[in-house]
Amino acid sequence: MLKLLQKEMPTAKWIVKDNQTTLLSECKKITLPLNQADELIMQKLIDWVRVSQDEKLNQNHEMIEAIGIAAPQIGANVNMYYILVPIFEEKSKKTNYFEHALINPKIIARSEQIAALKHGEGCLSVDNKHEGLVPRSYKIHVTGYDYLKKKDINLIVRGYEAIVFQHEQDHLEKKLYYHHINKNHPWLKEANWIII
């Protein structure tokens, strides 16, 4: 049984939607070590994603299964997000997890190579469907403090994981995925883009 990091069971009611101005408000930098309030925010982010992916705790699918969530999505305009990407290994037939709980994350470099998810992106905070390709950098360099690893990290990430990071980073920079979709030609793609 999944053990919660904080006392409240996460619910869909925690999620701030894109019709609320706080979702796109300025996020403040966090001072380390974390104070109690900021630690609680991070614990809520981690619990939300973990519970959403847990078949027993989310068996009625009241929560949309998530692979990432940023603090503004639960009403906290601070620089943090949590990512939990299940990666199925064909050889071992096991699922490994790509997991980061980042505080004050920054994308310090991006490749010119563009990638996009073939069916577009979605978001917990967006109820209306916005179809189209979301161009992202295929490779990025991310820095920040990892709450789970208790240290500064320096990562170079590619492909799907890089797209996930950029999606969450957008939340801290007052953007949503549909702000990147070409308004006139939503499914327009350049010949050299990598479609995932």
N, C-alpha and C. Protein backbone atom coordinates (compact mmCIF):
# COMPACT_ATOMS: atom_id res chain seq x y z
N MET A 1 0.85 -1.20 0.00
CA MET A 1 0.00 0.00 0.00
C MET A 1 0.89 1.26 0.00
N LEU A 2 0.55 2.19 -0.86
CA LEU A 2 1.29 3.44 -0.99
C LEU A 2 1.15 4.27 0.28
N LYS A 3 2.28 4.72 0.83
CA LYS A 3 2.25 5.54 2.04
C LYS A 3 2.34 7.02 1.62
N LEU A 4 1.36 7.79 2.05
CA LEU A 4 1.34 9.22 1.72
C LEU A 4 2.43 9.96 2.49
N LEU A 5 2.98 11.00 1.87
CA LEU A 5 4.01 11.82 2.53
C LEU A 5 3.38 12.88 3.44
N GLN A 6 2.10 13.20 3.16
CA GLN A 6 1.38 14.18 3.97
C GLN A 6 0.02 13.57 4.34
N LYS A 7 -0.80 14.29 5.08
CA LYS A 7 -1.98 13.68 5.71
C LYS A 7 -3.23 13.60 4.84
N GLU A 8 -3.32 14.45 3.82
CA GLU A 8 -4.55 14.54 3.02
C GLU A 8 -4.52 13.59 1.83
N MET A 9 -5.62 12.86 1.59
CA MET A 9 -5.71 12.04 0.39
C MET A 9 -5.93 12.96 -0.82
N PRO A 10 -5.07 12.89 -1.82
CA PRO A 10 -5.25 13.76 -3.00
C PRO A 10 -6.58 13.50 -3.70
N THR A 11 -7.16 14.55 -4.25
CA THR A 11 -8.39 14.40 -5.04
C THR A 11 -8.30 15.32 -6.25
N ALA A 12 -9.22 15.10 -7.20
CA ALA A 12 -9.28 15.93 -8.41
C ALA A 12 -9.59 17.39 -8.05
N LYS A 13 -10.19 17.61 -6.88
CA LYS A 13 -10.56 18.98 -6.46
C LYS A 13 -9.33 19.86 -6.20
N TRP A 14 -8.17 19.25 -6.00
CA TRP A 14 -6.95 20.03 -5.77
C TRP A 14 -6.55 20.84 -7.01
N ILE A 15 -6.94 20.38 -8.18
CA ILE A 15 -6.39 20.91 -9.43
C ILE A 15 -7.01 22.26 -9.81
N VAL A 16 -6.12 23.24 -10.04
CA VAL A 16 -6.51 24.57 -10.51
C VAL A 16 -6.62 24.51 -12.03
N LYS A 17 -7.73 25.02 -12.56
CA LYS A 17 -7.99 24.96 -14.01
C LYS A 17 -7.51 26.23 -14.72
N ASP A 18 -7.41 26.13 -16.05
CA ASP A 18 -6.86 27.23 -16.84
C ASP A 18 -7.79 28.44 -16.97
N ASN A 19 -8.98 28.37 -16.39
CA ASN A 19 -9.85 29.55 -16.37
C ASN A 19 -9.62 30.38 -15.09
N GLN A 20 -8.67 29.93 -14.27
CA GLN A 20 -8.33 30.66 -13.04
C GLN A 20 -6.99 31.37 -13.22
N THR A 21 -6.96 32.65 -12.93
CA THR A 21 -5.77 33.47 -13.20
C THR A 21 -4.54 33.01 -12.42
N THR A 22 -4.75 32.40 -11.25
CA THR A 22 -3.58 31.99 -10.44
C THR A 22 -2.72 30.96 -11.17
N LEU A 23 -3.32 30.20 -12.10
CA LEU A 23 -2.54 29.18 -12.81
C LEU A 23 -1.40 29.80 -13.61
N LEU A 24 -1.65 31.02 -14.10
CA LEU A 24 -0.63 31.68 -14.92
C LEU A 24 -0.04 32.91 -14.23
N SER A 25 0.06 32.82 -12.90
CA SER A 25 0.67 33.91 -12.13
C SER A 25 2.16 33.64 -11.92
N GLU A 26 2.88 34.68 -11.58
CA GLU A 26 4.33 34.59 -11.33
C GLU A 26 4.63 33.58 -10.23
N CYS A 27 5.65 32.75 -10.46
CA CYS A 27 6.08 31.78 -9.43
C CYS A 27 7.32 32.31 -8.73
N LYS A 28 7.34 32.16 -7.40
CA LYS A 28 8.51 32.68 -6.67
C LYS A 28 9.56 31.60 -6.45
N LYS A 29 10.80 32.07 -6.41
CA LYS A 29 11.93 31.18 -6.13
C LYS A 29 11.82 30.71 -4.68
N ILE A 30 12.25 29.49 -4.45
CA ILE A 30 12.15 28.90 -3.11
C ILE A 30 13.50 28.96 -2.42
N THR A 31 13.47 29.29 -1.13
CA THR A 31 14.69 29.31 -0.32
C THR A 31 14.90 27.93 0.28
N LEU A 32 16.14 27.45 0.17
CA LEU A 32 16.51 26.17 0.79
C LEU A 32 17.27 26.43 2.08
N PRO A 33 17.16 25.58 3.10
CA PRO A 33 16.30 24.42 3.16
C PRO A 33 14.82 24.83 3.16
N LEU A 34 13.96 23.91 2.72
CA LEU A 34 12.53 24.18 2.61
C LEU A 34 11.92 24.51 3.97
N ASN A 35 11.03 25.51 3.97
CA ASN A 35 10.24 25.72 5.18
C ASN A 35 9.09 24.71 5.17
N GLN A 36 8.35 24.65 6.25
CA GLN A 36 7.30 23.65 6.40
C GLN A 36 6.23 23.76 5.32
N ALA A 37 5.85 24.99 4.98
CA ALA A 37 4.79 25.22 3.98
C ALA A 37 5.23 24.72 2.60
N ASP A 38 6.47 25.03 2.21
CA ASP A 38 6.98 24.59 0.90
C ASP A 38 7.17 23.08 0.86
N GLU A 39 7.60 22.50 1.97
CA GLU A 39 7.76 21.05 2.03
C GLU A 39 6.40 20.36 1.84
N LEU A 40 5.35 20.92 2.43
CA LEU A 40 4.01 20.36 2.30
C LEU A 40 3.55 20.42 0.84
N ILE A 41 3.85 21.51 0.15
CA ILE A 41 3.49 21.64 -1.27
C ILE A 41 4.15 20.52 -2.07
N MET A 42 5.45 20.32 -1.87
CA MET A 42 6.15 19.27 -2.61
C MET A 42 5.58 17.89 -2.30
N GLN A 43 5.29 17.64 -1.03
CA GLN A 43 4.72 16.35 -0.65
C GLN A 43 3.35 16.13 -1.31
N LYS A 44 2.56 17.20 -1.42
CA LYS A 44 1.26 17.09 -2.09
C LYS A 44 1.43 16.77 -3.58
N LEU A 45 2.42 17.39 -4.22
CA LEU A 45 2.68 17.12 -5.64
C LEU A 45 3.05 15.64 -5.84
N ILE A 46 3.96 15.16 -5.00
CA ILE A 46 4.41 13.76 -5.10
C ILE A 46 3.24 12.82 -4.85
N ASP A 47 2.49 13.07 -3.79
CA ASP A 47 1.35 12.20 -3.46
C ASP A 47 0.30 12.21 -4.57
N TRP A 48 0.04 13.39 -5.17
CA TRP A 48 -0.99 13.47 -6.20
C TRP A 48 -0.65 12.54 -7.37
N VAL A 49 0.58 12.65 -7.87
CA VAL A 49 0.96 11.83 -9.04
C VAL A 49 1.00 10.35 -8.67
N ARG A 50 1.59 10.04 -7.53
CA ARG A 50 1.69 8.63 -7.13
C ARG A 50 0.31 7.99 -6.96
N VAL A 51 -0.61 8.72 -6.31
CA VAL A 51 -1.97 8.19 -6.12
C VAL A 51 -2.68 8.05 -7.47
N SER A 52 -2.49 9.03 -8.36
CA SER A 52 -3.16 8.98 -9.67
C SER A 52 -2.72 7.76 -10.47
N GLN A 53 -1.47 7.30 -10.25
CA GLN A 53 -0.94 6.14 -10.97
C GLN A 53 -1.20 4.82 -10.24
N ASP A 54 -1.73 4.89 -9.03
CA ASP A 54 -1.95 3.69 -8.22
C ASP A 54 -3.31 3.06 -8.53
N GLU A 55 -3.30 1.84 -9.06
CA GLU A 55 -4.54 1.18 -9.49
C GLU A 55 -5.54 1.00 -8.36
N LYS A 56 -5.07 0.74 -7.14
CA LYS A 56 -5.99 0.53 -6.01
C LYS A 56 -6.56 1.85 -5.50
N LEU A 57 -5.68 2.82 -5.27
CA LEU A 57 -6.13 4.10 -4.70
C LEU A 57 -6.94 4.94 -5.69
N ASN A 58 -6.71 4.73 -6.97
CA ASN A 58 -7.41 5.51 -7.99
C ASN A 58 -8.28 4.59 -8.86
N GLN A 59 -8.82 3.55 -8.24
CA GLN A 59 -9.55 2.55 -9.03
C GLN A 59 -10.82 3.07 -9.68
N ASN A 60 -11.43 4.11 -9.11
CA ASN A 60 -12.62 4.69 -9.75
C ASN A 60 -12.26 5.75 -10.79
N HIS A 61 -10.96 5.98 -10.98
CA HIS A 61 -10.43 6.95 -11.95
C HIS A 61 -11.00 8.35 -11.75
N GLU A 62 -11.22 8.69 -10.49
CA GLU A 62 -11.70 10.03 -10.15
C GLU A 62 -10.60 11.05 -10.51
N MET A 63 -9.34 10.61 -10.40
CA MET A 63 -8.22 11.47 -10.76
C MET A 63 -7.67 11.01 -12.12
N ILE A 64 -7.35 11.97 -12.98
CA ILE A 64 -6.72 11.63 -14.25
C ILE A 64 -5.30 11.18 -13.93
N GLU A 65 -4.89 10.06 -14.53
CA GLU A 65 -3.54 9.57 -14.28
C GLU A 65 -2.53 10.57 -14.82
N ALA A 66 -1.60 10.96 -13.96
CA ALA A 66 -0.63 12.00 -14.32
C ALA A 66 0.79 11.46 -14.28
N ILE A 67 1.65 12.07 -15.11
CA ILE A 67 3.09 11.74 -15.03
C ILE A 67 3.87 12.93 -14.49
N GLY A 68 3.18 14.04 -14.33
CA GLY A 68 3.85 15.21 -13.77
C GLY A 68 2.83 16.23 -13.30
N ILE A 69 3.27 17.06 -12.36
CA ILE A 69 2.40 18.14 -11.85
C ILE A 69 3.30 19.25 -11.31
N ALA A 70 2.87 20.48 -11.54
CA ALA A 70 3.63 21.64 -11.06
C ALA A 70 2.84 22.34 -9.96
N ALA A 71 3.55 23.02 -9.08
CA ALA A 71 2.93 23.67 -7.92
C ALA A 71 1.75 24.58 -8.27
N PRO A 72 1.82 25.40 -9.36
CA PRO A 72 0.67 26.26 -9.66
C PRO A 72 -0.63 25.47 -9.91
N GLN A 73 -0.49 24.20 -10.28
CA GLN A 73 -1.67 23.38 -10.57
C GLN A 73 -2.44 22.99 -9.30
N ILE A 74 -1.80 23.16 -8.15
CA ILE A 74 -2.53 22.94 -6.89
C ILE A 74 -2.64 24.26 -6.11
N GLY A 75 -2.49 25.36 -6.84
CA GLY A 75 -2.73 26.68 -6.24
C GLY A 75 -1.56 27.29 -5.51
N ALA A 76 -0.34 26.78 -5.73
CA ALA A 76 0.84 27.33 -5.06
C ALA A 76 1.80 27.89 -6.11
N ASN A 77 1.99 29.20 -6.12
CA ASN A 77 2.84 29.80 -7.14
C ASN A 77 4.30 29.88 -6.68
N VAL A 78 4.89 28.68 -6.63
CA VAL A 78 6.30 28.53 -6.24
C VAL A 78 6.98 27.62 -7.27
N ASN A 79 8.31 27.74 -7.34
CA ASN A 79 9.09 27.03 -8.36
C ASN A 79 9.36 25.58 -8.00
N MET A 80 8.38 24.71 -8.25
CA MET A 80 8.63 23.29 -8.04
C MET A 80 7.65 22.45 -8.85
N TYR A 81 8.14 21.28 -9.24
CA TYR A 81 7.27 20.29 -9.88
C TYR A 81 7.80 18.90 -9.63
N TYR A 82 6.93 17.93 -9.89
CA TYR A 82 7.26 16.52 -9.67
C TYR A 82 6.93 15.73 -10.93
N ILE A 83 7.84 14.83 -11.30
CA ILE A 83 7.68 14.00 -12.50
C ILE A 83 7.88 12.54 -12.11
N LEU A 84 6.96 11.68 -12.57
CA LEU A 84 7.08 10.23 -12.36
C LEU A 84 6.66 9.54 -13.66
N VAL A 85 7.65 9.18 -14.46
CA VAL A 85 7.37 8.58 -15.77
C VAL A 85 7.67 7.08 -15.72
N PRO A 86 6.62 6.24 -15.87
CA PRO A 86 6.87 4.79 -15.93
C PRO A 86 7.46 4.43 -17.29
N ILE A 87 8.55 3.68 -17.29
CA ILE A 87 9.19 3.26 -18.54
C ILE A 87 9.27 1.74 -18.55
N PHE A 88 8.53 1.12 -19.47
CA PHE A 88 8.50 -0.34 -19.56
C PHE A 88 9.71 -0.82 -20.34
N GLU A 89 10.51 -1.67 -19.70
CA GLU A 89 11.71 -2.25 -20.34
C GLU A 89 11.32 -3.56 -21.00
N GLU A 90 11.41 -3.59 -22.32
CA GLU A 90 11.00 -4.77 -23.10
C GLU A 90 11.81 -6.02 -22.72
N LYS A 91 13.13 -5.85 -22.57
CA LYS A 91 14.00 -7.01 -22.25
C LYS A 91 13.64 -7.67 -20.93
N SER A 92 13.57 -6.86 -19.88
CA SER A 92 13.35 -7.41 -18.54
C SER A 92 11.86 -7.58 -18.21
N LYS A 93 10.98 -6.99 -19.04
CA LYS A 93 9.53 -7.00 -18.82
C LYS A 93 9.17 -6.32 -17.48
N LYS A 94 10.01 -5.36 -17.10
CA LYS A 94 9.79 -4.63 -15.85
C LYS A 94 9.54 -3.16 -16.16
N THR A 95 8.84 -2.51 -15.24
CA THR A 95 8.63 -1.06 -15.36
C THR A 95 9.60 -0.36 -14.42
N ASN A 96 10.42 0.50 -14.99
CA ASN A 96 11.30 1.35 -14.20
C ASN A 96 10.70 2.75 -14.17
N TYR A 97 11.07 3.54 -13.18
CA TYR A 97 10.48 4.87 -13.06
C TYR A 97 11.55 5.96 -13.16
N PHE A 98 11.26 6.95 -13.99
CA PHE A 98 12.07 8.14 -14.13
C PHE A 98 11.40 9.17 -13.21
N GLU A 99 12.07 9.52 -12.09
CA GLU A 99 11.42 10.30 -11.05
C GLU A 99 12.29 11.47 -10.59
N HIS A 100 11.70 12.65 -10.57
CA HIS A 100 12.40 13.84 -10.07
C HIS A 100 11.41 14.77 -9.40
N ALA A 101 11.78 15.29 -8.23
CA ALA A 101 10.98 16.28 -7.50
C ALA A 101 11.84 17.54 -7.43
N LEU A 102 11.65 18.43 -8.39
CA LEU A 102 12.59 19.54 -8.56
C LEU A 102 12.12 20.85 -7.93
N ILE A 103 13.08 21.50 -7.29
CA ILE A 103 12.89 22.81 -6.68
C ILE A 103 13.79 23.80 -7.42
N ASN A 104 13.21 24.95 -7.77
CA ASN A 104 13.92 25.96 -8.56
C ASN A 104 14.57 25.38 -9.82
N PRO A 105 13.81 24.58 -10.59
CA PRO A 105 14.40 23.99 -11.79
C PRO A 105 14.62 25.04 -12.88
N LYS A 106 15.63 24.79 -13.69
CA LYS A 106 15.91 25.67 -14.83
C LYS A 106 16.31 24.80 -16.00
N ILE A 107 15.86 25.18 -17.19
CA ILE A 107 16.36 24.55 -18.41
C ILE A 107 17.44 25.50 -18.92
N ILE A 108 18.71 25.05 -18.84
CA ILE A 108 19.81 25.97 -19.14
C ILE A 108 20.32 25.82 -20.58
N ALA A 109 19.89 24.77 -21.28
CA ALA A 109 20.27 24.61 -22.68
C ALA A 109 19.22 23.75 -23.37
N ARG A 110 19.01 24.03 -24.66
CA ARG A 110 18.03 23.29 -25.45
C ARG A 110 18.63 22.99 -26.82
N SER A 111 18.30 21.82 -27.36
CA SER A 111 18.76 21.50 -28.70
C SER A 111 17.91 22.24 -29.73
N GLU A 112 18.49 22.44 -30.91
CA GLU A 112 17.71 23.03 -32.01
C GLU A 112 16.76 21.99 -32.58
N GLN A 113 17.11 20.71 -32.42
CA GLN A 113 16.25 19.63 -32.90
C GLN A 113 14.90 19.69 -32.18
N ILE A 114 13.83 19.67 -32.95
CA ILE A 114 12.47 19.75 -32.37
C ILE A 114 11.84 18.37 -32.33
N ALA A 115 11.07 18.12 -31.27
CA ALA A 115 10.30 16.88 -31.13
C ALA A 115 8.88 17.26 -30.71
N ALA A 116 7.95 16.35 -30.98
CA ALA A 116 6.56 16.56 -30.55
C ALA A 116 5.89 15.21 -30.38
N LEU A 117 4.91 15.16 -29.49
CA LEU A 117 4.12 13.94 -29.31
C LEU A 117 3.11 13.84 -30.45
N LYS A 118 3.02 12.67 -31.08
CA LYS A 118 2.20 12.55 -32.30
C LYS A 118 0.72 12.85 -32.09
N HIS A 119 0.20 12.64 -30.89
CA HIS A 119 -1.22 12.93 -30.63
C HIS A 119 -1.41 14.25 -29.90
N GLY A 120 -0.34 15.02 -29.75
CA GLY A 120 -0.43 16.27 -29.02
C GLY A 120 -0.28 16.04 -27.52
N GLU A 121 -0.46 17.08 -26.74
CA GLU A 121 -0.32 17.00 -25.28
C GLU A 121 -1.65 17.26 -24.60
N GLY A 122 -1.73 16.88 -23.34
CA GLY A 122 -2.89 17.17 -22.50
C GLY A 122 -2.38 17.70 -21.17
N CYS A 123 -3.30 18.15 -20.33
CA CYS A 123 -2.90 18.74 -19.05
C CYS A 123 -4.02 18.60 -18.05
N LEU A 124 -3.67 18.30 -16.81
CA LEU A 124 -4.66 18.18 -15.73
C LEU A 124 -5.48 19.46 -15.56
N SER A 125 -4.86 20.59 -15.85
CA SER A 125 -5.50 21.89 -15.63
C SER A 125 -6.32 22.37 -16.83
N VAL A 126 -6.33 21.59 -17.91
CA VAL A 126 -7.01 22.01 -19.13
C VAL A 126 -8.12 21.02 -19.47
N ASP A 127 -9.37 21.47 -19.35
CA ASP A 127 -10.51 20.60 -19.65
C ASP A 127 -10.86 20.58 -21.13
N ASN A 128 -10.78 21.74 -21.79
CA ASN A 128 -11.10 21.80 -23.22
C ASN A 128 -9.96 21.21 -24.03
N LYS A 129 -10.32 20.48 -25.08
CA LYS A 129 -9.30 19.83 -25.91
C LYS A 129 -8.68 20.86 -26.85
N HIS A 130 -7.36 20.90 -26.88
CA HIS A 130 -6.63 21.77 -27.80
C HIS A 130 -5.76 20.86 -28.65
N GLU A 131 -6.24 20.55 -29.85
CA GLU A 131 -5.52 19.60 -30.70
C GLU A 131 -4.40 20.28 -31.46
N GLY A 132 -3.35 19.51 -31.70
CA GLY A 132 -2.23 20.02 -32.48
C GLY A 132 -0.90 19.57 -31.92
N LEU A 133 0.12 19.73 -32.73
CA LEU A 133 1.47 19.37 -32.30
C LEU A 133 2.05 20.48 -31.43
N VAL A 134 2.76 20.07 -30.39
CA VAL A 134 3.40 21.01 -29.47
C VAL A 134 4.92 20.88 -29.68
N PRO A 135 5.52 21.80 -30.43
CA PRO A 135 6.96 21.69 -30.68
C PRO A 135 7.79 21.94 -29.42
N ARG A 136 8.68 21.01 -29.12
CA ARG A 136 9.56 21.09 -27.96
C ARG A 136 10.98 20.77 -28.40
N SER A 137 11.94 21.14 -27.60
CA SER A 137 13.33 20.73 -27.87
C SER A 137 13.47 19.24 -27.60
N TYR A 138 14.17 18.54 -28.50
CA TYR A 138 14.35 17.10 -28.34
C TYR A 138 15.27 16.78 -27.15
N LYS A 139 16.26 17.67 -26.94
CA LYS A 139 17.24 17.44 -25.86
C LYS A 139 17.36 18.71 -25.04
N ILE A 140 17.36 18.56 -23.70
CA ILE A 140 17.49 19.72 -22.82
C ILE A 140 18.48 19.42 -21.68
N HIS A 141 18.98 20.48 -21.11
CA HIS A 141 19.88 20.40 -19.95
C HIS A 141 19.14 21.07 -18.79
N VAL A 142 18.83 20.29 -17.75
CA VAL A 142 18.03 20.76 -16.61
C VAL A 142 18.89 20.80 -15.35
N THR A 143 18.72 21.86 -14.57
CA THR A 143 19.36 21.92 -13.25
C THR A 143 18.29 22.23 -12.21
N GLY A 144 18.60 21.96 -10.97
CA GLY A 144 17.67 22.24 -9.87
C GLY A 144 18.06 21.41 -8.65
N TYR A 145 17.31 21.60 -7.59
CA TYR A 145 17.53 20.81 -6.37
C TYR A 145 16.48 19.72 -6.34
N ASP A 146 16.91 18.47 -6.20
CA ASP A 146 15.97 17.35 -6.17
C ASP A 146 15.61 17.01 -4.73
N TYR A 147 14.34 17.19 -4.39
CA TYR A 147 13.83 16.97 -3.04
C TYR A 147 14.02 15.52 -2.60
N LEU A 148 13.84 14.57 -3.50
CA LEU A 148 13.95 13.15 -3.15
C LEU A 148 15.40 12.72 -2.98
N LYS A 149 16.27 13.25 -3.83
CA LYS A 149 17.69 12.86 -3.78
C LYS A 149 18.47 13.73 -2.79
N LYS A 150 17.85 14.81 -2.34
CA LYS A 150 18.45 15.75 -1.38
C LYS A 150 19.77 16.33 -1.89
N LYS A 151 19.78 16.69 -3.17
CA LYS A 151 21.00 17.30 -3.73
C LYS A 151 20.68 18.05 -5.03
N ASP A 152 21.62 18.92 -5.41
CA ASP A 152 21.51 19.61 -6.69
C ASP A 152 21.73 18.59 -7.80
N ILE A 153 20.94 18.71 -8.86
CA ILE A 153 21.11 17.79 -9.98
C ILE A 153 21.39 18.57 -11.25
N ASN A 154 22.00 17.87 -12.17
CA ASN A 154 22.40 18.39 -13.46
C ASN A 154 22.08 17.29 -14.46
N LEU A 155 21.02 17.45 -15.23
CA LEU A 155 20.57 16.35 -16.10
C LEU A 155 20.55 16.76 -17.56
N ILE A 156 20.92 15.82 -18.42
CA ILE A 156 20.67 16.01 -19.85
C ILE A 156 19.63 14.95 -20.22
N VAL A 157 18.49 15.42 -20.71
CA VAL A 157 17.37 14.51 -20.99
C VAL A 157 16.94 14.65 -22.45
N ARG A 158 16.48 13.52 -23.00
CA ARG A 158 16.08 13.50 -24.41
C ARG A 158 14.67 12.96 -24.57
N GLY A 159 14.10 13.21 -25.74
CA GLY A 159 12.86 12.58 -26.15
C GLY A 159 11.68 12.85 -25.23
N TYR A 160 10.96 11.78 -24.92
CA TYR A 160 9.72 11.90 -24.15
C TYR A 160 9.95 12.57 -22.79
N GLU A 161 11.01 12.15 -22.08
CA GLU A 161 11.29 12.73 -20.76
C GLU A 161 11.56 14.23 -20.88
N ALA A 162 12.26 14.63 -21.94
CA ALA A 162 12.54 16.06 -22.15
C ALA A 162 11.24 16.84 -22.38
N ILE A 163 10.30 16.23 -23.10
CA ILE A 163 9.00 16.87 -23.34
C ILE A 163 8.26 17.06 -22.02
N VAL A 164 8.30 16.04 -21.16
CA VAL A 164 7.62 16.12 -19.85
C VAL A 164 8.21 17.27 -19.02
N PHE A 165 9.53 17.36 -18.96
CA PHE A 165 10.17 18.45 -18.22
C PHE A 165 9.72 19.81 -18.75
N GLN A 166 9.72 19.96 -20.08
CA GLN A 166 9.36 21.26 -20.67
C GLN A 166 7.90 21.61 -20.40
N HIS A 167 7.03 20.62 -20.42
CA HIS A 167 5.62 20.85 -20.11
C HIS A 167 5.46 21.39 -18.68
N GLU A 168 6.16 20.75 -17.72
CA GLU A 168 6.06 21.19 -16.32
C GLU A 168 6.75 22.54 -16.12
N GLN A 169 7.89 22.74 -16.77
CA GLN A 169 8.61 24.01 -16.66
C GLN A 169 7.73 25.16 -17.15
N ASP A 170 6.95 24.92 -18.20
CA ASP A 170 6.03 25.94 -18.71
C ASP A 170 5.11 26.47 -17.61
N HIS A 171 4.62 25.57 -16.74
CA HIS A 171 3.72 25.99 -15.66
C HIS A 171 4.37 27.02 -14.75
N LEU A 172 5.69 26.93 -14.60
CA LEU A 172 6.41 27.89 -13.74
C LEU A 172 6.70 29.19 -14.47
N GLU A 173 6.52 29.17 -15.79
CA GLU A 173 6.85 30.33 -16.62
C GLU A 173 5.61 30.94 -17.28
N LYS A 174 4.44 30.73 -16.64
CA LYS A 174 3.18 31.33 -17.07
C LYS A 174 2.76 30.92 -18.48
N LYS A 175 3.01 29.65 -18.82
CA LYS A 175 2.62 29.14 -20.14
C LYS A 175 1.91 27.80 -19.99
N LEU A 176 1.09 27.47 -20.99
CA LEU A 176 0.46 26.16 -21.08
C LEU A 176 0.79 25.55 -22.43
N TYR A 177 0.64 24.24 -22.54
CA TYR A 177 1.06 23.56 -23.77
C TYR A 177 0.42 24.14 -25.03
N TYR A 178 -0.86 24.57 -24.92
CA TYR A 178 -1.54 25.02 -26.15
C TYR A 178 -1.05 26.38 -26.63
N HIS A 179 -0.28 27.09 -25.81
CA HIS A 179 0.32 28.34 -26.26
C HIS A 179 1.38 28.09 -27.34
N HIS A 180 1.87 26.85 -27.45
CA HIS A 180 2.90 26.51 -28.44
C HIS A 180 2.32 25.98 -29.75
N ILE A 181 1.03 25.66 -29.79
CA ILE A 181 0.42 25.07 -30.99
C ILE A 181 0.23 26.16 -32.05
N ASN A 182 0.56 25.83 -33.29
CA ASN A 182 0.38 26.76 -34.40
C ASN A 182 -1.12 27.05 -34.56
N LYS A 183 -1.50 28.32 -34.39
CA LYS A 183 -2.93 28.67 -34.38
C LYS A 183 -3.62 28.43 -35.72
N ASN A 184 -2.91 28.67 -36.81
CA ASN A 184 -3.51 28.51 -38.14
C ASN A 184 -3.43 27.08 -38.66
N HIS A 185 -2.36 26.37 -38.30
CA HIS A 185 -2.16 24.99 -38.78
C HIS A 185 -1.70 24.12 -37.60
N PRO A 186 -2.66 23.68 -36.74
CA PRO A 186 -2.30 22.97 -35.51
C PRO A 186 -1.44 21.72 -35.70
N TRP A 187 -1.63 21.01 -36.82
CA TRP A 187 -0.88 19.76 -37.03
C TRP A 187 0.32 19.96 -37.96
N LEU A 188 0.68 21.20 -38.22
CA LEU A 188 1.82 21.49 -39.08
C LEU A 188 3.10 20.94 -38.45
N LYS A 189 3.90 20.23 -39.27
CA LYS A 189 5.19 19.77 -38.76
C LYS A 189 6.25 19.95 -39.83
N GLU A 190 7.44 20.31 -39.35
CA GLU A 190 8.57 20.46 -40.26
C GLU A 190 9.14 19.08 -40.57
N ALA A 191 9.80 18.96 -41.71
CA ALA A 191 10.32 17.67 -42.17
C ALA A 191 11.33 17.07 -41.20
N ASN A 192 12.09 17.91 -40.50
CA ASN A 192 13.16 17.38 -39.63
C ASN A 192 12.71 17.17 -38.18
N TRP A 193 11.44 17.40 -37.85
CA TRP A 193 10.98 17.18 -36.50
C TRP A 193 10.93 15.70 -36.18
N ILE A 194 11.19 15.36 -34.92
CA ILE A 194 11.07 13.97 -34.47
C ILE A 194 9.69 13.85 -33.82
N ILE A 195 8.89 12.94 -34.35
CA ILE A 195 7.54 12.73 -33.80
C ILE A 195 7.58 11.48 -32.94
N ILE A 196 7.18 11.64 -31.69
CA ILE A 196 7.27 10.55 -30.71
C ILE A 196 5.89 9.97 -30.43
